[in-house]
Amino acid sequence: MSASETLSCECTGDTGRAERDPAYRRALWIVIILNLGFGLAEVAGGFLADSQALKADSLDFIGDGSISLLGLVALGWTTHARSRVALLQGVFLGNLGIGVIAFAAWRAVHAVAPEAALMGGIGVMALLVNVTAAYVLSRYREGDANVQAIWLFSRNDAIASLAVIVAAVLVGYTSSAWPDLVVAGVIALLFLHSAWSIIRGALAEAQKS
C-alpha cells in the first residue's frame, strides 16, 4: 500500500472496506465498551430518578452495545449471512421500540414526576458518551446493511440523550411526569423508524446475495 493510500485510509476510514479495516474493529470495540458500560449505569440511574425516558435511553445503550458486538462477530461472514444479522438487528430494535411504548403507556396511568436534576445530569453524561461513540463511528456510516445498522444505533443514542435532557428541563419547569413519558415514546418511535430502515436494507441485500 502506498503512502497516499495509507493516509487516505486513516483520514476517511475507507468506508467501502469498513468490514476489513482494523480501525473499524477498534472503533466497534470502543463503542461496545462505552455503550454496555454506561447502559448498565443508566439503568440504575433511571430507577433512582424514576424516569421512563432514562430507562428507555439505557435500553438503547445496551441494545446498541449488544448489536455492535454482534456486528463485530459478523465482520468475517459472507454478505448473505451479514444481511441476516442486520435483519436480526432491525427486528430487535423494533421489538425494543414496541416494548418501550407499552411500558410508557402503562406508567402513564400512574404518572409520577421523576427527579429532574438527577435525570438531567445523567442525560448530559449520556450525551457525552453518545457523541464520543458517534464520532468514533462517523467515518463508517456508509457500507452494507450491517455497518449502517450499527451507525444508526449510535446516532439514535445521541438523539435520544438530547431528548432526555430537554425532558428533564420540562419536568423541572412543570413538575409533571408527562415530558418524561412523551420523550420515552419519542425514543421508541425513533427505534421503530430505524428498525424499518435496517430491515428494508437487509432484505434488499439478502435478495442480491
N, C-alpha and C. Protein backbone atom coordinates (compact mmCIF):
# COMPACT_ATOMS: atom_id res chain seq x y z
N MET A 1 0.85 -1.19 0.00
CA MET A 1 0.00 0.00 0.00
C MET A 1 0.89 1.24 0.00
N SER A 2 0.56 2.20 -0.84
CA SER A 2 1.36 3.41 -0.94
C SER A 2 1.07 4.33 0.23
N ALA A 3 1.97 5.35 0.41
CA ALA A 3 1.77 6.30 1.49
C ALA A 3 0.47 7.05 1.33
N SER A 4 0.13 7.40 0.08
CA SER A 4 -1.11 8.15 -0.14
C SER A 4 -2.32 7.30 0.18
N GLU A 5 -2.26 5.98 -0.13
CA GLU A 5 -3.38 5.10 0.17
C GLU A 5 -3.53 4.94 1.68
N THR A 6 -2.39 4.83 2.37
CA THR A 6 -2.44 4.70 3.82
C THR A 6 -3.05 5.93 4.45
N LEU A 7 -2.64 7.10 3.99
CA LEU A 7 -3.18 8.35 4.52
C LEU A 7 -4.66 8.44 4.27
N SER A 8 -5.09 8.01 3.04
CA SER A 8 -6.50 8.07 2.71
C SER A 8 -7.31 7.18 3.64
N CYS A 9 -6.77 5.98 3.92
CA CYS A 9 -7.49 5.06 4.79
C CYS A 9 -7.64 5.63 6.20
N GLU A 10 -6.57 6.24 6.71
CA GLU A 10 -6.60 6.76 8.06
C GLU A 10 -7.51 7.98 8.18
N CYS A 11 -7.58 8.77 7.13
CA CYS A 11 -8.33 10.02 7.23
C CYS A 11 -9.81 9.83 6.94
N THR A 12 -10.14 8.93 6.04
CA THR A 12 -11.53 8.78 5.64
C THR A 12 -12.18 7.53 6.19
N GLY A 13 -11.40 6.60 6.71
CA GLY A 13 -11.97 5.37 7.22
C GLY A 13 -12.22 4.36 6.13
N ASP A 14 -12.05 4.74 4.86
CA ASP A 14 -12.24 3.84 3.72
C ASP A 14 -13.54 3.07 3.88
N THR A 15 -14.65 3.78 3.83
CA THR A 15 -15.94 3.21 4.15
C THR A 15 -16.28 2.00 3.30
N GLY A 16 -15.79 1.92 2.08
CA GLY A 16 -16.08 0.78 1.23
C GLY A 16 -15.45 -0.49 1.73
N ARG A 17 -14.43 -0.37 2.60
CA ARG A 17 -13.75 -1.56 3.11
C ARG A 17 -13.88 -1.66 4.63
N ALA A 18 -14.94 -1.07 5.19
CA ALA A 18 -15.09 -1.00 6.64
C ALA A 18 -15.00 -2.37 7.30
N GLU A 19 -15.60 -3.38 6.62
CA GLU A 19 -15.61 -4.70 7.24
C GLU A 19 -14.23 -5.34 7.30
N ARG A 20 -13.25 -4.82 6.53
CA ARG A 20 -11.91 -5.40 6.54
C ARG A 20 -10.88 -4.44 7.15
N ASP A 21 -11.33 -3.31 7.64
CA ASP A 21 -10.44 -2.29 8.18
C ASP A 21 -10.20 -2.53 9.66
N PRO A 22 -8.95 -2.79 10.08
CA PRO A 22 -8.68 -2.99 11.51
C PRO A 22 -9.13 -1.80 12.37
N ALA A 23 -9.07 -0.59 11.80
CA ALA A 23 -9.50 0.59 12.54
C ALA A 23 -10.99 0.52 12.85
N TYR A 24 -11.76 -0.08 11.94
CA TYR A 24 -13.19 -0.24 12.18
C TYR A 24 -13.44 -1.20 13.33
N ARG A 25 -12.67 -2.26 13.40
CA ARG A 25 -12.80 -3.20 14.51
C ARG A 25 -12.49 -2.52 15.84
N ARG A 26 -11.44 -1.70 15.85
CA ARG A 26 -11.11 -0.97 17.07
C ARG A 26 -12.23 -0.01 17.45
N ALA A 27 -12.80 0.64 16.43
CA ALA A 27 -13.90 1.57 16.69
C ALA A 27 -15.10 0.84 17.29
N LEU A 28 -15.38 -0.35 16.78
CA LEU A 28 -16.50 -1.12 17.31
C LEU A 28 -16.26 -1.51 18.77
N TRP A 29 -15.04 -1.90 19.10
CA TRP A 29 -14.75 -2.26 20.48
C TRP A 29 -14.94 -1.06 21.41
N ILE A 30 -14.52 0.11 20.97
CA ILE A 30 -14.71 1.32 21.78
C ILE A 30 -16.19 1.57 22.01
N VAL A 31 -16.99 1.44 20.95
CA VAL A 31 -18.43 1.69 21.04
C VAL A 31 -19.09 0.65 21.93
N ILE A 32 -18.68 -0.60 21.81
CA ILE A 32 -19.26 -1.67 22.63
C ILE A 32 -19.02 -1.40 24.11
N ILE A 33 -17.79 -1.07 24.46
CA ILE A 33 -17.44 -0.83 25.87
C ILE A 33 -18.18 0.39 26.41
N LEU A 34 -18.20 1.47 25.62
CA LEU A 34 -18.89 2.69 26.05
C LEU A 34 -20.39 2.43 26.29
N ASN A 35 -21.03 1.77 25.34
CA ASN A 35 -22.47 1.60 25.40
C ASN A 35 -22.91 0.61 26.47
N LEU A 36 -22.26 -0.54 26.54
CA LEU A 36 -22.66 -1.52 27.55
C LEU A 36 -22.35 -0.99 28.96
N GLY A 37 -21.18 -0.37 29.12
CA GLY A 37 -20.81 0.15 30.43
C GLY A 37 -21.76 1.23 30.91
N PHE A 38 -22.00 2.23 30.07
CA PHE A 38 -22.87 3.32 30.50
C PHE A 38 -24.32 2.88 30.54
N GLY A 39 -24.72 1.97 29.65
CA GLY A 39 -26.10 1.50 29.65
C GLY A 39 -26.49 0.87 30.97
N LEU A 40 -25.60 0.04 31.54
CA LEU A 40 -25.88 -0.58 32.83
C LEU A 40 -25.97 0.47 33.93
N ALA A 41 -25.08 1.47 33.87
CA ALA A 41 -25.12 2.54 34.86
C ALA A 41 -26.40 3.36 34.73
N GLU A 42 -26.85 3.58 33.49
CA GLU A 42 -28.05 4.40 33.29
C GLU A 42 -29.32 3.67 33.72
N VAL A 43 -29.31 2.34 33.65
CA VAL A 43 -30.46 1.59 34.17
C VAL A 43 -30.68 1.94 35.64
N ALA A 44 -29.59 1.89 36.41
CA ALA A 44 -29.68 2.23 37.83
C ALA A 44 -30.13 3.68 38.01
N GLY A 45 -29.58 4.58 37.19
CA GLY A 45 -29.97 5.98 37.27
C GLY A 45 -31.43 6.19 36.93
N GLY A 46 -31.95 5.43 35.97
CA GLY A 46 -33.35 5.54 35.60
C GLY A 46 -34.28 5.17 36.74
N PHE A 47 -33.90 4.13 37.50
CA PHE A 47 -34.73 3.74 38.64
C PHE A 47 -34.59 4.74 39.79
N LEU A 48 -33.38 5.24 40.00
CA LEU A 48 -33.18 6.23 41.08
C LEU A 48 -33.97 7.51 40.81
N ALA A 49 -33.97 7.95 39.53
CA ALA A 49 -34.69 9.18 39.17
C ALA A 49 -36.15 8.91 38.86
N ASP A 50 -36.52 7.62 38.77
CA ASP A 50 -37.88 7.21 38.39
C ASP A 50 -38.27 7.82 37.04
N SER A 51 -37.32 7.73 36.10
CA SER A 51 -37.52 8.33 34.77
C SER A 51 -37.67 7.25 33.70
N GLN A 52 -38.80 7.28 33.01
CA GLN A 52 -39.02 6.32 31.92
C GLN A 52 -38.14 6.65 30.72
N ALA A 53 -37.89 7.94 30.51
CA ALA A 53 -37.02 8.32 29.39
C ALA A 53 -35.60 7.80 29.61
N LEU A 54 -35.10 7.90 30.84
CA LEU A 54 -33.77 7.38 31.14
C LEU A 54 -33.72 5.86 30.97
N LYS A 55 -34.77 5.19 31.40
CA LYS A 55 -34.83 3.73 31.24
C LYS A 55 -34.83 3.36 29.76
N ALA A 56 -35.61 4.09 28.96
CA ALA A 56 -35.63 3.83 27.52
C ALA A 56 -34.27 4.09 26.90
N ASP A 57 -33.64 5.17 27.34
CA ASP A 57 -32.32 5.51 26.81
C ASP A 57 -31.29 4.45 27.20
N SER A 58 -31.40 3.91 28.42
CA SER A 58 -30.47 2.87 28.85
C SER A 58 -30.64 1.61 28.01
N LEU A 59 -31.89 1.28 27.65
CA LEU A 59 -32.13 0.13 26.78
C LEU A 59 -31.50 0.36 25.41
N ASP A 60 -31.55 1.61 24.97
CA ASP A 60 -30.92 1.96 23.70
C ASP A 60 -29.41 1.74 23.78
N PHE A 61 -28.80 2.15 24.88
CA PHE A 61 -27.37 1.94 25.08
C PHE A 61 -27.02 0.45 25.06
N ILE A 62 -27.75 -0.32 25.86
CA ILE A 62 -27.46 -1.75 25.97
C ILE A 62 -27.72 -2.45 24.64
N GLY A 63 -28.82 -2.07 23.97
CA GLY A 63 -29.10 -2.65 22.67
C GLY A 63 -28.03 -2.31 21.66
N ASP A 64 -27.56 -1.06 21.70
CA ASP A 64 -26.51 -0.62 20.78
C ASP A 64 -25.23 -1.41 21.01
N GLY A 65 -24.85 -1.55 22.29
CA GLY A 65 -23.63 -2.30 22.59
C GLY A 65 -23.73 -3.75 22.18
N SER A 66 -24.89 -4.37 22.43
CA SER A 66 -25.08 -5.78 22.08
C SER A 66 -25.07 -5.99 20.57
N ILE A 67 -25.75 -5.09 19.86
CA ILE A 67 -25.81 -5.23 18.40
C ILE A 67 -24.46 -4.93 17.77
N SER A 68 -23.72 -3.98 18.34
CA SER A 68 -22.39 -3.69 17.82
C SER A 68 -21.47 -4.90 18.03
N LEU A 69 -21.62 -5.59 19.16
CA LEU A 69 -20.83 -6.80 19.41
C LEU A 69 -21.18 -7.87 18.39
N LEU A 70 -22.48 -8.01 18.11
CA LEU A 70 -22.91 -8.98 17.11
C LEU A 70 -22.37 -8.60 15.74
N GLY A 71 -22.38 -7.30 15.43
CA GLY A 71 -21.84 -6.83 14.16
C GLY A 71 -20.35 -7.09 14.04
N LEU A 72 -19.64 -6.97 15.15
CA LEU A 72 -18.20 -7.24 15.16
C LEU A 72 -17.93 -8.71 14.86
N VAL A 73 -18.70 -9.58 15.49
CA VAL A 73 -18.54 -11.02 15.25
C VAL A 73 -18.82 -11.37 13.79
N ALA A 74 -19.78 -10.65 13.18
CA ALA A 74 -20.21 -10.97 11.82
C ALA A 74 -19.32 -10.39 10.73
N LEU A 75 -18.29 -9.63 11.08
CA LEU A 75 -17.48 -8.95 10.07
C LEU A 75 -16.85 -9.92 9.07
N GLY A 76 -16.47 -11.11 9.50
CA GLY A 76 -15.82 -12.05 8.60
C GLY A 76 -16.78 -12.97 7.88
N TRP A 77 -18.07 -12.78 8.06
CA TRP A 77 -19.05 -13.66 7.44
C TRP A 77 -19.34 -13.24 6.00
N THR A 78 -20.10 -14.09 5.29
CA THR A 78 -20.48 -13.79 3.91
C THR A 78 -21.49 -12.64 3.89
N THR A 79 -21.66 -12.05 2.71
CA THR A 79 -22.62 -10.95 2.56
C THR A 79 -24.03 -11.38 2.94
N HIS A 80 -24.40 -12.59 2.53
CA HIS A 80 -25.75 -13.07 2.85
C HIS A 80 -25.92 -13.24 4.35
N ALA A 81 -24.92 -13.81 5.00
CA ALA A 81 -25.00 -14.01 6.45
C ALA A 81 -25.05 -12.67 7.18
N ARG A 82 -24.28 -11.69 6.69
CA ARG A 82 -24.26 -10.37 7.32
C ARG A 82 -25.61 -9.66 7.14
N SER A 83 -26.25 -9.89 6.01
CA SER A 83 -27.57 -9.29 5.81
C SER A 83 -28.59 -9.90 6.77
N ARG A 84 -28.41 -11.19 7.08
CA ARG A 84 -29.30 -11.83 8.05
C ARG A 84 -29.08 -11.26 9.45
N VAL A 85 -27.82 -10.96 9.76
CA VAL A 85 -27.51 -10.34 11.05
C VAL A 85 -28.16 -8.96 11.14
N ALA A 86 -28.06 -8.19 10.05
CA ALA A 86 -28.68 -6.87 10.03
C ALA A 86 -30.19 -6.97 10.20
N LEU A 87 -30.79 -8.00 9.59
CA LEU A 87 -32.23 -8.22 9.74
C LEU A 87 -32.57 -8.48 11.21
N LEU A 88 -31.75 -9.28 11.87
CA LEU A 88 -31.95 -9.55 13.29
C LEU A 88 -31.82 -8.27 14.10
N GLN A 89 -30.87 -7.42 13.72
CA GLN A 89 -30.69 -6.14 14.41
C GLN A 89 -31.95 -5.28 14.28
N GLY A 90 -32.51 -5.24 13.08
CA GLY A 90 -33.71 -4.44 12.86
C GLY A 90 -34.91 -4.95 13.64
N VAL A 91 -35.09 -6.26 13.66
CA VAL A 91 -36.19 -6.86 14.41
C VAL A 91 -36.03 -6.59 15.91
N PHE A 92 -34.80 -6.72 16.39
CA PHE A 92 -34.53 -6.45 17.80
C PHE A 92 -34.88 -5.01 18.15
N LEU A 93 -34.45 -4.07 17.32
CA LEU A 93 -34.72 -2.66 17.58
C LEU A 93 -36.20 -2.37 17.54
N GLY A 94 -36.92 -3.00 16.61
CA GLY A 94 -38.36 -2.80 16.52
C GLY A 94 -39.09 -3.30 17.75
N ASN A 95 -38.71 -4.48 18.23
CA ASN A 95 -39.33 -5.03 19.44
C ASN A 95 -39.02 -4.16 20.66
N LEU A 96 -37.81 -3.60 20.68
CA LEU A 96 -37.43 -2.71 21.76
C LEU A 96 -38.35 -1.49 21.78
N GLY A 97 -38.60 -0.92 20.60
CA GLY A 97 -39.47 0.24 20.50
C GLY A 97 -40.89 -0.06 20.95
N ILE A 98 -41.42 -1.20 20.54
CA ILE A 98 -42.78 -1.58 20.95
C ILE A 98 -42.85 -1.75 22.46
N GLY A 99 -41.82 -2.38 23.03
CA GLY A 99 -41.80 -2.58 24.48
C GLY A 99 -41.77 -1.28 25.25
N VAL A 100 -40.97 -0.32 24.79
CA VAL A 100 -40.87 0.98 25.46
C VAL A 100 -42.21 1.71 25.40
N ILE A 101 -42.87 1.69 24.26
CA ILE A 101 -44.18 2.35 24.12
C ILE A 101 -45.19 1.72 25.08
N ALA A 102 -45.21 0.39 25.14
CA ALA A 102 -46.16 -0.30 26.02
C ALA A 102 -45.91 0.05 27.48
N PHE A 103 -44.65 0.08 27.91
CA PHE A 103 -44.34 0.37 29.30
C PHE A 103 -44.64 1.82 29.64
N ALA A 104 -44.35 2.73 28.70
CA ALA A 104 -44.64 4.15 28.94
C ALA A 104 -46.15 4.37 29.06
N ALA A 105 -46.93 3.65 28.24
CA ALA A 105 -48.39 3.77 28.32
C ALA A 105 -48.89 3.26 29.67
N TRP A 106 -48.30 2.17 30.15
CA TRP A 106 -48.69 1.63 31.45
C TRP A 106 -48.36 2.61 32.57
N ARG A 107 -47.17 3.23 32.51
CA ARG A 107 -46.76 4.17 33.53
C ARG A 107 -47.59 5.45 33.49
N ALA A 108 -48.16 5.78 32.32
CA ALA A 108 -48.97 6.99 32.21
C ALA A 108 -50.19 6.93 33.12
N VAL A 109 -50.65 5.71 33.41
CA VAL A 109 -51.80 5.56 34.30
C VAL A 109 -51.43 5.94 35.73
N HIS A 110 -50.16 5.72 36.10
CA HIS A 110 -49.68 6.07 37.44
C HIS A 110 -48.51 7.05 37.30
N ALA A 111 -48.75 8.14 36.60
CA ALA A 111 -47.67 9.08 36.29
C ALA A 111 -47.16 9.79 37.54
N VAL A 112 -45.85 9.71 37.75
CA VAL A 112 -45.18 10.39 38.85
C VAL A 112 -43.99 11.15 38.27
N ALA A 113 -43.87 12.41 38.61
CA ALA A 113 -42.77 13.22 38.07
C ALA A 113 -41.43 12.69 38.55
N PRO A 114 -40.47 12.47 37.65
CA PRO A 114 -39.15 11.99 38.05
C PRO A 114 -38.33 13.10 38.71
N GLU A 115 -37.17 12.73 39.24
CA GLU A 115 -36.25 13.69 39.83
C GLU A 115 -35.53 14.42 38.70
N ALA A 116 -35.92 15.65 38.44
CA ALA A 116 -35.47 16.37 37.24
C ALA A 116 -33.96 16.60 37.23
N ALA A 117 -33.38 17.00 38.37
CA ALA A 117 -31.95 17.31 38.40
C ALA A 117 -31.11 16.07 38.12
N LEU A 118 -31.45 14.96 38.76
CA LEU A 118 -30.71 13.71 38.52
C LEU A 118 -30.91 13.24 37.09
N MET A 119 -32.13 13.34 36.60
CA MET A 119 -32.45 12.95 35.24
C MET A 119 -31.63 13.76 34.23
N GLY A 120 -31.56 15.07 34.44
CA GLY A 120 -30.81 15.93 33.54
C GLY A 120 -29.32 15.67 33.59
N GLY A 121 -28.78 15.45 34.81
CA GLY A 121 -27.36 15.18 34.94
C GLY A 121 -26.95 13.91 34.24
N ILE A 122 -27.75 12.85 34.40
CA ILE A 122 -27.45 11.59 33.72
C ILE A 122 -27.61 11.76 32.22
N GLY A 123 -28.60 12.56 31.81
CA GLY A 123 -28.79 12.81 30.38
C GLY A 123 -27.59 13.49 29.75
N VAL A 124 -26.98 14.44 30.47
CA VAL A 124 -25.80 15.13 29.95
C VAL A 124 -24.63 14.15 29.80
N MET A 125 -24.42 13.29 30.81
CA MET A 125 -23.36 12.28 30.72
C MET A 125 -23.61 11.32 29.57
N ALA A 126 -24.88 10.93 29.40
CA ALA A 126 -25.23 10.03 28.30
C ALA A 126 -24.93 10.67 26.95
N LEU A 127 -25.24 11.96 26.84
CA LEU A 127 -25.00 12.65 25.58
C LEU A 127 -23.50 12.68 25.26
N LEU A 128 -22.67 12.91 26.27
CA LEU A 128 -21.22 12.93 26.05
C LEU A 128 -20.72 11.57 25.58
N VAL A 129 -21.23 10.51 26.19
CA VAL A 129 -20.85 9.17 25.76
C VAL A 129 -21.31 8.91 24.33
N ASN A 130 -22.54 9.33 24.03
CA ASN A 130 -23.09 9.11 22.69
C ASN A 130 -22.35 9.87 21.62
N VAL A 131 -22.02 11.13 21.89
CA VAL A 131 -21.29 11.93 20.92
C VAL A 131 -19.92 11.29 20.64
N THR A 132 -19.28 10.79 21.69
CA THR A 132 -17.99 10.12 21.52
C THR A 132 -18.14 8.89 20.63
N ALA A 133 -19.16 8.06 20.91
CA ALA A 133 -19.37 6.84 20.13
C ALA A 133 -19.73 7.17 18.68
N ALA A 134 -20.59 8.17 18.50
CA ALA A 134 -20.98 8.55 17.14
C ALA A 134 -19.79 9.09 16.36
N TYR A 135 -18.93 9.86 17.03
CA TYR A 135 -17.74 10.39 16.36
C TYR A 135 -16.81 9.26 15.94
N VAL A 136 -16.63 8.28 16.82
CA VAL A 136 -15.75 7.15 16.50
C VAL A 136 -16.25 6.40 15.26
N LEU A 137 -17.58 6.30 15.12
CA LEU A 137 -18.14 5.55 14.00
C LEU A 137 -18.48 6.41 12.79
N SER A 138 -18.32 7.71 12.88
CA SER A 138 -18.78 8.60 11.82
C SER A 138 -18.12 8.32 10.48
N ARG A 139 -16.88 7.83 10.47
CA ARG A 139 -16.19 7.53 9.22
C ARG A 139 -16.76 6.30 8.54
N TYR A 140 -17.55 5.52 9.28
CA TYR A 140 -18.03 4.23 8.77
C TYR A 140 -19.55 4.19 8.63
N ARG A 141 -20.17 5.34 8.48
CA ARG A 141 -21.63 5.36 8.42
C ARG A 141 -22.17 4.85 7.09
N GLU A 142 -21.31 4.73 6.07
CA GLU A 142 -21.72 4.15 4.79
C GLU A 142 -21.14 2.75 4.70
N GLY A 143 -21.89 1.85 4.05
CA GLY A 143 -21.43 0.47 3.91
C GLY A 143 -22.61 -0.44 3.72
N ASP A 144 -22.45 -1.74 4.05
CA ASP A 144 -23.56 -2.66 3.88
C ASP A 144 -24.59 -2.46 4.99
N ALA A 145 -25.65 -3.28 4.96
CA ALA A 145 -26.75 -3.08 5.92
C ALA A 145 -26.28 -3.24 7.35
N ASN A 146 -25.33 -4.13 7.57
CA ASN A 146 -24.83 -4.36 8.93
C ASN A 146 -24.08 -3.14 9.46
N VAL A 147 -23.22 -2.56 8.62
CA VAL A 147 -22.46 -1.36 9.00
C VAL A 147 -23.41 -0.19 9.26
N GLN A 148 -24.39 -0.02 8.37
CA GLN A 148 -25.34 1.08 8.53
C GLN A 148 -26.19 0.91 9.77
N ALA A 149 -26.53 -0.35 10.11
CA ALA A 149 -27.33 -0.60 11.30
C ALA A 149 -26.60 -0.14 12.55
N ILE A 150 -25.31 -0.46 12.63
CA ILE A 150 -24.52 -0.07 13.80
C ILE A 150 -24.44 1.45 13.89
N TRP A 151 -24.26 2.12 12.75
CA TRP A 151 -24.20 3.58 12.75
C TRP A 151 -25.53 4.18 13.21
N LEU A 152 -26.66 3.61 12.73
CA LEU A 152 -27.97 4.13 13.11
C LEU A 152 -28.21 3.98 14.60
N PHE A 153 -27.77 2.87 15.17
CA PHE A 153 -27.92 2.68 16.61
C PHE A 153 -27.19 3.79 17.36
N SER A 154 -25.96 4.09 16.96
CA SER A 154 -25.17 5.11 17.65
C SER A 154 -25.77 6.50 17.47
N ARG A 155 -26.24 6.79 16.26
CA ARG A 155 -26.87 8.09 16.02
C ARG A 155 -28.13 8.24 16.86
N ASN A 156 -28.92 7.16 16.95
CA ASN A 156 -30.15 7.20 17.75
C ASN A 156 -29.85 7.49 19.21
N ASP A 157 -28.77 6.91 19.72
CA ASP A 157 -28.39 7.14 21.11
C ASP A 157 -28.19 8.62 21.39
N ALA A 158 -27.47 9.29 20.50
CA ALA A 158 -27.19 10.72 20.69
C ALA A 158 -28.48 11.54 20.67
N ILE A 159 -29.37 11.26 19.72
CA ILE A 159 -30.63 11.98 19.64
C ILE A 159 -31.49 11.72 20.88
N ALA A 160 -31.52 10.46 21.33
CA ALA A 160 -32.33 10.11 22.49
C ALA A 160 -31.83 10.82 23.74
N SER A 161 -30.52 10.87 23.93
CA SER A 161 -29.98 11.51 25.13
C SER A 161 -30.25 13.02 25.13
N LEU A 162 -30.20 13.64 23.96
CA LEU A 162 -30.54 15.06 23.86
C LEU A 162 -32.00 15.27 24.24
N ALA A 163 -32.86 14.36 23.80
CA ALA A 163 -34.28 14.45 24.15
C ALA A 163 -34.50 14.28 25.65
N VAL A 164 -33.72 13.42 26.29
CA VAL A 164 -33.82 13.23 27.74
C VAL A 164 -33.49 14.52 28.47
N ILE A 165 -32.46 15.23 28.01
CA ILE A 165 -32.08 16.49 28.65
C ILE A 165 -33.21 17.51 28.54
N VAL A 166 -33.81 17.60 27.35
CA VAL A 166 -34.94 18.52 27.14
C VAL A 166 -36.10 18.14 28.07
N ALA A 167 -36.37 16.83 28.18
CA ALA A 167 -37.46 16.37 29.05
C ALA A 167 -37.19 16.73 30.50
N ALA A 168 -35.92 16.59 30.94
CA ALA A 168 -35.58 16.92 32.32
C ALA A 168 -35.85 18.39 32.62
N VAL A 169 -35.51 19.26 31.67
CA VAL A 169 -35.77 20.69 31.85
C VAL A 169 -37.27 20.94 31.97
N LEU A 170 -38.05 20.29 31.11
CA LEU A 170 -39.51 20.48 31.13
C LEU A 170 -40.13 19.91 32.41
N VAL A 171 -39.60 18.76 32.87
CA VAL A 171 -40.10 18.18 34.12
C VAL A 171 -39.84 19.13 35.28
N GLY A 172 -38.63 19.70 35.32
CA GLY A 172 -38.31 20.65 36.37
C GLY A 172 -39.16 21.89 36.32
N TYR A 173 -39.52 22.32 35.13
CA TYR A 173 -40.31 23.55 34.97
C TYR A 173 -41.78 23.32 35.28
N THR A 174 -42.30 22.16 34.88
CA THR A 174 -43.74 21.90 35.02
C THR A 174 -44.09 21.03 36.22
N SER A 175 -43.09 20.34 36.81
CA SER A 175 -43.33 19.38 37.90
C SER A 175 -44.31 18.30 37.47
N SER A 176 -44.25 17.95 36.20
CA SER A 176 -45.15 16.95 35.63
C SER A 176 -44.35 15.78 35.07
N ALA A 177 -44.97 14.59 35.07
CA ALA A 177 -44.32 13.40 34.52
C ALA A 177 -44.45 13.31 33.01
N TRP A 178 -45.34 14.11 32.43
CA TRP A 178 -45.65 13.94 31.02
C TRP A 178 -44.48 14.20 30.07
N PRO A 179 -43.63 15.19 30.31
CA PRO A 179 -42.48 15.34 29.40
C PRO A 179 -41.60 14.09 29.38
N ASP A 180 -41.43 13.45 30.53
CA ASP A 180 -40.63 12.23 30.62
C ASP A 180 -41.27 11.11 29.81
N LEU A 181 -42.58 10.96 29.96
CA LEU A 181 -43.29 9.89 29.24
C LEU A 181 -43.32 10.14 27.74
N VAL A 182 -43.52 11.41 27.37
CA VAL A 182 -43.55 11.75 25.94
C VAL A 182 -42.20 11.46 25.29
N VAL A 183 -41.11 11.83 25.96
CA VAL A 183 -39.78 11.59 25.40
C VAL A 183 -39.50 10.09 25.31
N ALA A 184 -39.95 9.31 26.30
CA ALA A 184 -39.80 7.86 26.21
C ALA A 184 -40.51 7.33 24.96
N GLY A 185 -41.71 7.88 24.69
CA GLY A 185 -42.43 7.48 23.48
C GLY A 185 -41.73 7.90 22.20
N VAL A 186 -41.15 9.11 22.21
CA VAL A 186 -40.41 9.59 21.03
C VAL A 186 -39.19 8.70 20.76
N ILE A 187 -38.48 8.32 21.83
CA ILE A 187 -37.33 7.43 21.67
C ILE A 187 -37.79 6.11 21.06
N ALA A 188 -38.93 5.61 21.52
CA ALA A 188 -39.45 4.36 20.98
C ALA A 188 -39.80 4.50 19.50
N LEU A 189 -40.39 5.61 19.11
CA LEU A 189 -40.72 5.84 17.69
C LEU A 189 -39.44 5.92 16.85
N LEU A 190 -38.38 6.49 17.42
CA LEU A 190 -37.10 6.54 16.73
C LEU A 190 -36.57 5.12 16.53
N PHE A 191 -36.75 4.27 17.55
CA PHE A 191 -36.37 2.86 17.41
C PHE A 191 -37.09 2.24 16.22
N LEU A 192 -38.40 2.46 16.15
CA LEU A 192 -39.21 1.84 15.11
C LEU A 192 -38.83 2.34 13.72
N HIS A 193 -38.57 3.64 13.60
CA HIS A 193 -38.19 4.21 12.30
C HIS A 193 -36.88 3.61 11.81
N SER A 194 -35.89 3.55 12.70
CA SER A 194 -34.59 2.99 12.31
C SER A 194 -34.70 1.49 12.06
N ALA A 195 -35.55 0.81 12.83
CA ALA A 195 -35.74 -0.63 12.63
C ALA A 195 -36.24 -0.90 11.22
N TRP A 196 -37.19 -0.08 10.77
CA TRP A 196 -37.73 -0.26 9.42
C TRP A 196 -36.64 -0.03 8.37
N SER A 197 -35.80 1.00 8.56
CA SER A 197 -34.72 1.29 7.62
C SER A 197 -33.73 0.13 7.56
N ILE A 198 -33.39 -0.42 8.72
CA ILE A 198 -32.43 -1.52 8.79
C ILE A 198 -33.01 -2.77 8.13
N ILE A 199 -34.25 -3.10 8.45
CA ILE A 199 -34.89 -4.30 7.89
C ILE A 199 -35.01 -4.18 6.37
N ARG A 200 -35.40 -3.01 5.89
CA ARG A 200 -35.54 -2.82 4.45
C ARG A 200 -34.21 -2.99 3.74
N GLY A 201 -33.13 -2.41 4.30
CA GLY A 201 -31.81 -2.55 3.70
C GLY A 201 -31.32 -3.99 3.75
N ALA A 202 -31.58 -4.68 4.86
CA ALA A 202 -31.13 -6.07 4.99
C ALA A 202 -31.84 -6.99 4.00
N LEU A 203 -33.15 -6.79 3.81
CA LEU A 203 -33.90 -7.60 2.86
C LEU A 203 -33.43 -7.35 1.42
N ALA A 204 -33.12 -6.08 1.11
CA ALA A 204 -32.62 -5.76 -0.22
C ALA A 204 -31.27 -6.43 -0.48
N GLU A 205 -30.39 -6.43 0.51
CA GLU A 205 -29.09 -7.08 0.35
C GLU A 205 -29.21 -8.59 0.26
N ALA A 206 -30.15 -9.16 1.03
CA ALA A 206 -30.34 -10.60 1.00
C ALA A 206 -30.81 -11.06 -0.37
N GLN A 207 -31.63 -10.25 -1.03
CA GLN A 207 -32.12 -10.61 -2.36
C GLN A 207 -31.00 -10.55 -3.40
N LYS A 208 -30.04 -9.64 -3.20
CA LYS A 208 -28.94 -9.50 -4.16
C LYS A 208 -27.89 -10.60 -3.99
N SER A 209 -27.74 -11.12 -2.76
CA SER A 209 -26.66 -12.08 -2.49
C SER A 209 -27.05 -13.50 -2.90
